[in-house]
Amino acid sequence: MIRYIFFVLILLAIFFLIFSISTYLIDAYKDRYVMRIYNNEVLALAGCKTIYEASVAYRTLNGQYPVNLITLGSAEPPYISEDLVKGGSHGYKYSYEATPSGFFVTASPLKFGKTGRFYFQINELKRLKVCDKEGHCMTENQYLVSLDKYLVSLDK
């Protein structure tokens, strides 16, 4: 009887050890997955700002905004990297639309919810919007505050 109780206790200990390790690994994977999404989003935000800065610099030298991303990438030296010229980088796709008064840049997740959760938009007036799939938008500062709150919660 004592051997049986001892055997059951050892089995329970092994079960709880395996359960604890698997829970830890699942949480670590989720955190890594979420951090990759946040990394993609921050890089998309930076990509929009880079295209904005390049477009303004192009206008300063040429008197007009560029027609498309290829124009910015084919200049010598190029204003933006090849990734941005091709329209994609770190889980996001970039589109550039020339307008009568300037331009409009959008960074969209390649797979919404998997590579990013937000669309990033900027125009020639440097008005940056961060919008979710339903069209609810916030400012860059509101986005960064929400990101900061999430990162602080990971430390707890």
Protein backbone atom coordinates (compact mmCIF):
# COMPACT_ATOMS: atom_id res chain seq x y z
CA MET A 1 0.00 0.00 0.00
CA ILE A 2 2.82 2.43 0.86
CA ARG A 3 4.53 1.60 -2.44
CA TYR A 4 1.30 2.33 -4.28
CA ILE A 5 0.89 5.74 -2.55
CA PHE A 6 4.55 6.55 -3.22
CA PHE A 7 4.14 5.59 -6.89
CA VAL A 8 1.00 7.77 -7.22
CA LEU A 9 2.80 10.71 -5.59
CA ILE A 10 5.72 10.35 -8.00
CA LEU A 11 3.32 10.23 -10.96
CA LEU A 12 1.54 13.35 -9.69
CA ALA A 13 4.86 15.15 -9.23
CA ILE A 14 5.89 14.24 -12.80
CA PHE A 15 2.50 15.36 -14.12
CA PHE A 16 2.74 18.76 -12.36
CA LEU A 17 6.32 19.21 -13.56
CA ILE A 18 5.33 18.54 -17.16
CA PHE A 19 2.27 20.79 -16.80
CA SER A 20 4.39 23.62 -15.36
CA ILE A 21 6.99 23.36 -18.10
CA SER A 22 4.39 23.25 -20.87
CA THR A 23 2.53 26.26 -19.39
CA TYR A 24 5.81 28.19 -19.24
CA LEU A 25 6.65 27.31 -22.85
CA ILE A 26 3.18 28.28 -24.07
CA ASP A 27 3.40 31.64 -22.28
CA ALA A 28 6.90 32.24 -23.64
CA TYR A 29 5.71 31.43 -27.18
CA LYS A 30 2.70 33.78 -26.82
CA ASP A 31 4.93 36.60 -25.55
CA ARG A 32 7.38 36.02 -28.41
CA TYR A 33 4.55 35.99 -30.94
CA VAL A 34 3.04 39.20 -29.54
CA MET A 35 6.45 40.88 -29.42
CA ARG A 36 7.02 40.02 -33.09
CA ILE A 37 3.71 41.73 -33.95
CA TYR A 38 4.67 44.81 -31.93
CA ASN A 39 8.10 44.83 -33.56
CA ASN A 40 6.45 44.72 -37.01
CA GLU A 41 4.11 47.56 -36.06
CA VAL A 42 6.88 49.82 -34.78
CA LEU A 43 8.89 49.14 -37.94
CA ALA A 44 5.81 49.94 -40.08
CA LEU A 45 5.42 53.23 -38.22
CA ALA A 46 9.09 53.99 -38.87
CA GLY A 47 8.67 52.99 -42.53
CA CYS A 48 5.81 55.48 -42.96
CA LYS A 49 7.91 58.22 -41.41
CA THR A 50 10.86 57.32 -43.63
CA ILE A 51 8.71 57.56 -46.75
CA TYR A 52 7.32 60.88 -45.49
CA GLU A 53 10.82 62.31 -44.90
CA ALA A 54 12.02 61.02 -48.28
CA SER A 55 9.02 62.56 -50.06
CA VAL A 56 9.60 65.95 -48.43
CA ALA A 57 13.31 65.83 -49.32
CA TYR A 58 12.43 64.86 -52.90
CA ARG A 59 10.03 67.81 -53.15
CA THR A 60 12.68 70.19 -51.82
CA LEU A 61 15.07 69.20 -54.62
CA ASN A 62 12.57 68.62 -57.45
CA GLY A 63 9.75 71.07 -56.73
CA GLN A 64 7.07 68.38 -56.50
CA TYR A 65 6.27 65.26 -54.54
CA PRO A 66 7.24 61.91 -56.11
CA VAL A 67 4.68 60.05 -58.18
CA ASN A 68 5.33 56.67 -56.51
CA LEU A 69 7.75 54.70 -54.34
CA ILE A 70 9.80 53.67 -57.39
CA THR A 71 10.64 57.33 -57.98
CA LEU A 72 12.07 57.56 -54.47
CA GLY A 73 14.05 54.36 -54.84
CA SER A 74 15.45 54.96 -58.32
CA ALA A 75 17.00 58.37 -57.52
CA GLU A 76 20.76 58.51 -57.17
CA PRO A 77 21.35 58.06 -54.27
CA PRO A 78 18.02 56.46 -53.39
CA TYR A 79 15.81 58.18 -50.85
CA ILE A 80 14.42 54.91 -49.46
CA SER A 81 15.54 51.30 -49.16
CA GLU A 82 14.72 48.63 -51.71
CA ASP A 83 12.33 46.94 -49.24
CA LEU A 84 10.17 50.05 -49.14
CA VAL A 85 10.40 50.51 -52.92
CA LYS A 86 9.10 46.98 -53.44
CA GLY A 87 6.29 47.84 -51.05
CA GLY A 88 6.88 45.34 -48.27
CA SER A 89 8.90 44.96 -45.12
CA HIS A 90 8.56 43.12 -41.77
CA GLY A 91 5.03 41.84 -42.26
CA TYR A 92 3.68 45.07 -43.75
CA LYS A 93 2.89 46.26 -47.27
CA TYR A 94 3.35 49.94 -48.17
CA SER A 95 1.30 51.86 -50.67
CA TYR A 96 1.96 55.40 -51.88
CA GLU A 97 -0.70 57.47 -53.53
CA ALA A 98 0.05 60.83 -55.12
CA THR A 99 -2.74 63.37 -54.55
CA PRO A 100 -3.28 66.81 -56.10
CA SER A 101 -1.92 68.48 -52.95
CA GLY A 102 0.71 65.92 -51.95
CA PHE A 103 0.68 62.23 -51.09
CA PHE A 104 -0.79 59.56 -48.84
CA VAL A 105 1.15 56.56 -47.51
CA THR A 106 -0.45 53.48 -45.95
CA ALA A 107 1.27 50.54 -44.25
CA SER A 108 -1.05 47.51 -44.10
CA PRO A 109 -0.37 44.17 -42.38
CA LEU A 110 0.24 41.32 -44.83
CA LYS A 111 -1.87 39.04 -42.60
CA PHE A 112 -4.08 41.04 -40.31
CA GLY A 113 -3.77 39.81 -36.72
CA LYS A 114 -0.70 37.69 -37.53
CA THR A 115 1.86 40.22 -38.82
CA GLY A 116 0.20 43.33 -37.39
CA ARG A 117 -2.97 44.69 -35.82
CA PHE A 118 -3.05 48.21 -37.22
CA TYR A 119 -2.89 50.22 -40.42
CA PHE A 120 -0.52 53.20 -40.35
CA GLN A 121 -1.25 56.22 -42.53
CA ILE A 122 0.66 59.47 -43.07
CA ASN A 123 0.20 62.36 -45.49
CA GLU A 124 2.22 65.35 -46.72
CA LEU A 125 1.17 67.35 -43.62
CA LYS A 126 2.78 64.66 -41.41
CA ARG A 127 -0.61 63.70 -40.02
CA LEU A 128 -0.13 60.15 -38.84
CA LYS A 129 -3.07 57.90 -37.99
CA VAL A 130 -3.09 54.42 -36.54
CA CYS A 131 -6.28 52.52 -37.37
CA ASP A 132 -7.58 49.09 -36.48
CA LYS A 133 -9.44 46.72 -38.79
CA GLU A 134 -12.82 48.27 -37.90
CA GLY A 135 -11.60 51.76 -38.80
CA HIS A 136 -11.19 53.08 -35.25
CA CYS A 137 -8.23 55.44 -35.37
CA MET A 138 -5.87 56.93 -32.82
CA THR A 139 -2.88 59.22 -32.88
CA GLU A 140 0.70 58.02 -32.82
CA ASN A 141 1.04 59.04 -29.17
CA GLN A 142 -2.07 57.09 -28.16
CA TYR A 143 -0.68 54.03 -29.94
CA LEU A 144 2.74 54.36 -28.28
CA VAL A 145 1.14 54.81 -24.82
CA SER A 146 -0.92 51.62 -25.32
CA LEU A 147 2.20 49.79 -26.50
CA ASP A 148 4.14 51.02 -23.45
CA LYS A 149 1.38 49.89 -21.07
CA TYR A 150 1.41 46.44 -22.63
CA LEU A 151 5.20 46.12 -22.39
CA VAL A 152 5.13 47.19 -18.73
CA SER A 153 2.47 44.52 -18.04
CA LEU A 154 4.85 41.86 -19.42
CA ASP A 155 7.40 42.74 -16.74
CA LYS A 156 4.96 41.96 -13.94
